[in-house]
Amino acid sequence: MIVSITKIELNSYLRLIPFFKFNGQIIKELKLSACKGFKLKPNFNLKVWYTMTLWENDTDINNFYRNDTHLEAMKKSTIFSSKIQSKRIDKMELINWKDAKKLFNTI
């Protein structure tokens, strides 16, 4: 199993509404996909968001990432953020947020 974790830093608070719009569509598609689990967490200031998904394999992840809504969101991601980072780790279940956030603080 693979856990995919993404950190998205919004360019400004004005980007919250467009971010929510795309994110809502992506969550709807996640529920219909081969995704085994997902969660979303904002930082206390709402400018930094984390997403976490659980997948059986790379093929399932790539099929989802290349679907219509997610692909469109990636093309328009510079509207929301100039700082997007992703990590993938091998785990059998979603991890806690404290450990997930640590992955982005290591050099």
N, C-alpha and C. Protein backbone atom coordinates (compact mmCIF):
# COMPACT_ATOMS: atom_id res chain seq x y z
N MET A 1 0.85 -1.17 0.00
CA MET A 1 0.00 0.00 0.00
C MET A 1 0.90 1.24 0.00
N ILE A 2 0.38 2.31 -0.56
CA ILE A 2 1.14 3.55 -0.69
C ILE A 2 0.32 4.70 -0.12
N VAL A 3 0.96 5.49 0.73
CA VAL A 3 0.35 6.70 1.24
C VAL A 3 0.96 7.87 0.48
N SER A 4 0.11 8.68 -0.12
CA SER A 4 0.54 9.88 -0.83
C SER A 4 0.12 11.09 0.01
N ILE A 5 1.09 11.94 0.33
CA ILE A 5 0.84 13.11 1.18
C ILE A 5 1.26 14.35 0.41
N THR A 6 0.40 15.35 0.38
CA THR A 6 0.69 16.59 -0.33
C THR A 6 0.54 17.77 0.61
N LYS A 7 1.48 18.70 0.52
CA LYS A 7 1.44 19.95 1.26
C LYS A 7 1.23 21.07 0.25
N ILE A 8 0.19 21.86 0.45
CA ILE A 8 -0.15 22.95 -0.48
C ILE A 8 -0.15 24.25 0.31
N GLU A 9 0.71 25.18 -0.08
CA GLU A 9 0.73 26.50 0.55
C GLU A 9 0.07 27.49 -0.39
N LEU A 10 -1.08 27.99 0.02
CA LEU A 10 -1.82 28.93 -0.82
C LEU A 10 -1.08 30.27 -0.93
N ASN A 11 -1.17 30.87 -2.11
CA ASN A 11 -0.51 32.16 -2.33
C ASN A 11 -1.11 33.27 -1.49
N SER A 12 -2.41 33.23 -1.27
CA SER A 12 -3.08 34.23 -0.45
C SER A 12 -4.43 33.68 0.00
N TYR A 13 -5.03 34.38 0.93
CA TYR A 13 -6.36 33.97 1.40
C TYR A 13 -7.41 34.11 0.31
N LEU A 14 -7.15 34.93 -0.67
CA LEU A 14 -8.08 35.08 -1.79
C LEU A 14 -8.20 33.79 -2.61
N ARG A 15 -7.28 32.89 -2.42
CA ARG A 15 -7.28 31.62 -3.17
C ARG A 15 -8.05 30.51 -2.46
N LEU A 16 -8.58 30.79 -1.28
CA LEU A 16 -9.31 29.76 -0.55
C LEU A 16 -10.54 29.25 -1.30
N ILE A 17 -11.35 30.14 -1.85
CA ILE A 17 -12.57 29.72 -2.54
C ILE A 17 -12.26 28.88 -3.77
N PRO A 18 -11.35 29.32 -4.66
CA PRO A 18 -11.02 28.45 -5.81
C PRO A 18 -10.42 27.11 -5.36
N PHE A 19 -9.61 27.13 -4.30
CA PHE A 19 -9.04 25.90 -3.78
C PHE A 19 -10.14 24.96 -3.30
N PHE A 20 -11.10 25.48 -2.53
CA PHE A 20 -12.21 24.65 -2.04
C PHE A 20 -13.02 24.08 -3.19
N LYS A 21 -13.21 24.86 -4.23
CA LYS A 21 -14.00 24.40 -5.39
C LYS A 21 -13.35 23.17 -6.02
N PHE A 22 -12.08 23.27 -6.35
CA PHE A 22 -11.39 22.13 -6.96
C PHE A 22 -11.27 20.98 -5.98
N ASN A 23 -10.96 21.30 -4.74
CA ASN A 23 -10.78 20.24 -3.76
C ASN A 23 -12.07 19.45 -3.55
N GLY A 24 -13.20 20.13 -3.53
CA GLY A 24 -14.49 19.44 -3.40
C GLY A 24 -14.74 18.48 -4.55
N GLN A 25 -14.40 18.91 -5.76
CA GLN A 25 -14.57 18.05 -6.92
C GLN A 25 -13.63 16.84 -6.84
N ILE A 26 -12.41 17.09 -6.39
CA ILE A 26 -11.44 16.00 -6.28
C ILE A 26 -11.89 14.98 -5.23
N ILE A 27 -12.43 15.45 -4.12
CA ILE A 27 -12.91 14.53 -3.08
C ILE A 27 -14.05 13.66 -3.62
N LYS A 28 -14.95 14.25 -4.39
CA LYS A 28 -16.04 13.46 -5.00
C LYS A 28 -15.46 12.35 -5.87
N GLU A 29 -14.45 12.69 -6.67
CA GLU A 29 -13.84 11.68 -7.54
C GLU A 29 -13.04 10.65 -6.75
N LEU A 30 -12.42 11.08 -5.65
CA LEU A 30 -11.70 10.13 -4.80
C LEU A 30 -12.64 9.04 -4.30
N LYS A 31 -13.84 9.44 -3.92
CA LYS A 31 -14.83 8.48 -3.40
C LYS A 31 -15.24 7.46 -4.46
N LEU A 32 -15.10 7.80 -5.72
CA LEU A 32 -15.45 6.89 -6.81
C LEU A 32 -14.24 6.14 -7.36
N SER A 33 -13.07 6.46 -6.87
CA SER A 33 -11.83 5.89 -7.40
C SER A 33 -11.41 4.64 -6.62
N ALA A 34 -10.22 4.15 -6.92
CA ALA A 34 -9.64 3.00 -6.23
C ALA A 34 -8.96 3.40 -4.92
N CYS A 35 -9.10 4.64 -4.52
CA CYS A 35 -8.52 5.14 -3.27
C CYS A 35 -9.08 4.35 -2.08
N LYS A 36 -8.22 3.93 -1.19
CA LYS A 36 -8.62 3.13 -0.02
C LYS A 36 -8.92 4.00 1.20
N GLY A 37 -8.51 5.26 1.18
CA GLY A 37 -8.77 6.17 2.28
C GLY A 37 -8.16 7.52 1.99
N PHE A 38 -8.73 8.56 2.60
CA PHE A 38 -8.17 9.89 2.41
C PHE A 38 -8.54 10.78 3.59
N LYS A 39 -7.75 11.82 3.76
CA LYS A 39 -8.08 12.85 4.74
C LYS A 39 -7.41 14.16 4.33
N LEU A 40 -7.94 15.24 4.88
CA LEU A 40 -7.52 16.59 4.55
C LEU A 40 -7.37 17.36 5.85
N LYS A 41 -6.33 18.19 5.95
CA LYS A 41 -6.12 18.96 7.18
C LYS A 41 -5.53 20.32 6.85
N PRO A 42 -6.15 21.38 7.35
CA PRO A 42 -5.55 22.70 7.20
C PRO A 42 -4.60 22.98 8.35
N ASN A 43 -3.65 23.86 8.12
CA ASN A 43 -2.85 24.39 9.20
C ASN A 43 -3.71 25.41 9.93
N PHE A 44 -3.30 25.82 11.09
CA PHE A 44 -4.13 26.75 11.88
C PHE A 44 -4.44 28.05 11.15
N ASN A 45 -3.59 28.48 10.22
CA ASN A 45 -3.79 29.76 9.52
C ASN A 45 -4.59 29.63 8.22
N LEU A 46 -4.97 28.42 7.84
CA LEU A 46 -5.74 28.11 6.62
C LEU A 46 -5.00 28.42 5.32
N LYS A 47 -3.74 28.79 5.38
CA LYS A 47 -2.98 29.02 4.15
C LYS A 47 -2.20 27.78 3.73
N VAL A 48 -2.01 26.86 4.66
CA VAL A 48 -1.30 25.61 4.36
C VAL A 48 -2.27 24.46 4.56
N TRP A 49 -2.37 23.60 3.54
CA TRP A 49 -3.28 22.46 3.56
C TRP A 49 -2.50 21.18 3.28
N TYR A 50 -2.90 20.11 3.93
CA TYR A 50 -2.31 18.80 3.71
C TYR A 50 -3.40 17.84 3.25
N THR A 51 -3.06 17.02 2.27
CA THR A 51 -3.96 15.95 1.86
C THR A 51 -3.20 14.63 2.00
N MET A 52 -3.95 13.58 2.29
CA MET A 52 -3.34 12.27 2.42
C MET A 52 -4.29 11.24 1.83
N THR A 53 -3.76 10.37 0.98
CA THR A 53 -4.56 9.32 0.36
C THR A 53 -3.82 7.98 0.48
N LEU A 54 -4.59 6.91 0.49
CA LEU A 54 -4.05 5.55 0.58
C LEU A 54 -4.43 4.78 -0.67
N TRP A 55 -3.44 4.16 -1.28
CA TRP A 55 -3.64 3.46 -2.55
C TRP A 55 -3.02 2.06 -2.50
N GLU A 56 -3.59 1.17 -3.29
CA GLU A 56 -3.08 -0.20 -3.40
C GLU A 56 -1.73 -0.22 -4.12
N ASN A 57 -1.59 0.60 -5.19
CA ASN A 57 -0.37 0.56 -6.00
C ASN A 57 -0.21 1.85 -6.80
N ASP A 58 0.94 1.97 -7.46
CA ASP A 58 1.25 3.17 -8.26
C ASP A 58 0.29 3.34 -9.43
N THR A 59 -0.17 2.25 -10.02
CA THR A 59 -1.09 2.35 -11.15
C THR A 59 -2.38 3.05 -10.74
N ASP A 60 -2.91 2.68 -9.58
CA ASP A 60 -4.14 3.32 -9.10
C ASP A 60 -3.92 4.82 -8.85
N ILE A 61 -2.78 5.16 -8.25
CA ILE A 61 -2.47 6.57 -8.00
C ILE A 61 -2.39 7.33 -9.31
N ASN A 62 -1.61 6.80 -10.23
CA ASN A 62 -1.40 7.49 -11.51
C ASN A 62 -2.69 7.62 -12.32
N ASN A 63 -3.54 6.60 -12.28
CA ASN A 63 -4.83 6.69 -12.97
C ASN A 63 -5.67 7.83 -12.40
N PHE A 64 -5.66 7.97 -11.09
CA PHE A 64 -6.43 9.06 -10.48
C PHE A 64 -5.80 10.41 -10.79
N TYR A 65 -4.49 10.52 -10.64
CA TYR A 65 -3.82 11.81 -10.87
C TYR A 65 -3.99 12.30 -12.30
N ARG A 66 -4.18 11.38 -13.21
CA ARG A 66 -4.33 11.76 -14.62
C ARG A 66 -5.78 11.88 -15.05
N ASN A 67 -6.73 11.75 -14.10
CA ASN A 67 -8.13 11.89 -14.47
C ASN A 67 -8.47 13.36 -14.70
N ASP A 68 -9.65 13.61 -15.19
CA ASP A 68 -10.04 14.95 -15.62
C ASP A 68 -9.89 16.03 -14.56
N THR A 69 -10.54 15.88 -13.42
CA THR A 69 -10.56 16.94 -12.41
C THR A 69 -9.19 17.15 -11.79
N HIS A 70 -8.52 16.07 -11.41
CA HIS A 70 -7.20 16.23 -10.78
C HIS A 70 -6.20 16.79 -11.78
N LEU A 71 -6.24 16.33 -12.99
CA LEU A 71 -5.34 16.85 -14.02
C LEU A 71 -5.57 18.34 -14.25
N GLU A 72 -6.84 18.74 -14.30
CA GLU A 72 -7.18 20.16 -14.46
C GLU A 72 -6.69 20.97 -13.26
N ALA A 73 -6.84 20.43 -12.07
CA ALA A 73 -6.37 21.11 -10.87
C ALA A 73 -4.85 21.29 -10.90
N MET A 74 -4.14 20.28 -11.37
CA MET A 74 -2.68 20.38 -11.46
C MET A 74 -2.26 21.45 -12.47
N LYS A 75 -2.98 21.53 -13.58
CA LYS A 75 -2.68 22.56 -14.58
C LYS A 75 -2.90 23.97 -14.02
N LYS A 76 -3.92 24.10 -13.15
CA LYS A 76 -4.26 25.41 -12.60
C LYS A 76 -3.66 25.64 -11.21
N SER A 77 -2.81 24.74 -10.77
CA SER A 77 -2.29 24.82 -9.40
C SER A 77 -1.52 26.11 -9.12
N THR A 78 -0.91 26.70 -10.13
CA THR A 78 -0.16 27.94 -9.90
C THR A 78 -1.09 29.10 -9.54
N ILE A 79 -2.37 28.98 -9.85
CA ILE A 79 -3.34 30.00 -9.44
C ILE A 79 -3.47 29.98 -7.91
N PHE A 80 -3.42 28.80 -7.32
CA PHE A 80 -3.60 28.64 -5.89
C PHE A 80 -2.30 28.79 -5.11
N SER A 81 -1.25 28.19 -5.66
CA SER A 81 -0.05 28.01 -4.87
C SER A 81 1.21 28.01 -5.72
N SER A 82 2.27 28.55 -5.15
CA SER A 82 3.57 28.44 -5.80
C SER A 82 4.44 27.42 -5.06
N LYS A 83 3.85 26.81 -4.01
CA LYS A 83 4.59 25.83 -3.22
C LYS A 83 3.72 24.60 -2.98
N ILE A 84 3.93 23.58 -3.80
CA ILE A 84 3.25 22.30 -3.62
C ILE A 84 4.32 21.22 -3.53
N GLN A 85 4.24 20.43 -2.48
CA GLN A 85 5.19 19.34 -2.28
C GLN A 85 4.41 18.05 -2.06
N SER A 86 4.96 16.95 -2.55
CA SER A 86 4.32 15.65 -2.35
C SER A 86 5.34 14.62 -1.90
N LYS A 87 4.88 13.69 -1.11
CA LYS A 87 5.70 12.57 -0.64
C LYS A 87 4.89 11.30 -0.77
N ARG A 88 5.56 10.20 -1.02
CA ARG A 88 4.93 8.88 -1.03
C ARG A 88 5.72 7.97 -0.12
N ILE A 89 4.98 7.22 0.70
CA ILE A 89 5.63 6.27 1.59
C ILE A 89 4.86 4.95 1.55
N ASP A 90 5.56 3.87 1.83
CA ASP A 90 4.93 2.55 1.89
C ASP A 90 4.39 2.33 3.30
N LYS A 91 3.07 2.25 3.41
CA LYS A 91 2.40 1.99 4.70
C LYS A 91 1.11 1.25 4.39
N MET A 92 0.62 0.52 5.37
CA MET A 92 -0.61 -0.24 5.20
C MET A 92 -1.86 0.57 5.52
N GLU A 93 -1.67 1.74 6.15
CA GLU A 93 -2.80 2.60 6.49
C GLU A 93 -2.33 4.05 6.53
N LEU A 94 -3.29 4.95 6.56
CA LEU A 94 -2.95 6.37 6.67
C LEU A 94 -2.22 6.62 7.99
N ILE A 95 -1.28 7.55 7.97
CA ILE A 95 -0.51 7.84 9.17
C ILE A 95 -1.10 9.06 9.88
N ASN A 96 -0.63 9.34 11.09
CA ASN A 96 -1.14 10.50 11.80
C ASN A 96 -0.53 11.78 11.22
N TRP A 97 -1.19 12.89 11.45
CA TRP A 97 -0.77 14.16 10.86
C TRP A 97 0.58 14.63 11.38
N LYS A 98 0.87 14.37 12.63
CA LYS A 98 2.15 14.79 13.19
C LYS A 98 3.30 14.17 12.42
N ASP A 99 3.22 12.87 12.16
CA ASP A 99 4.26 12.18 11.40
C ASP A 99 4.27 12.62 9.94
N ALA A 100 3.10 12.86 9.39
CA ALA A 100 3.02 13.30 7.99
C ALA A 100 3.70 14.66 7.81
N LYS A 101 3.43 15.59 8.71
CA LYS A 101 4.02 16.93 8.60
C LYS A 101 5.53 16.89 8.75
N LYS A 102 6.04 15.97 9.56
CA LYS A 102 7.49 15.83 9.75
C LYS A 102 8.19 15.49 8.44
N LEU A 103 7.52 14.79 7.55
CA LEU A 103 8.12 14.42 6.27
C LEU A 103 8.52 15.65 5.46
N PHE A 104 7.84 16.75 5.66
CA PHE A 104 8.12 17.97 4.89
C PHE A 104 9.12 18.88 5.60
N ASN A 105 9.47 18.55 6.84
CA ASN A 105 10.40 19.38 7.60
C ASN A 105 11.81 18.82 7.61
N THR A 106 12.02 17.70 6.93
CA THR A 106 13.36 17.11 6.89
C THR A 106 14.11 17.64 5.66
N ILE A 107 15.39 17.77 5.82
CA ILE A 107 16.21 18.29 4.71
C ILE A 107 16.82 17.15 3.93
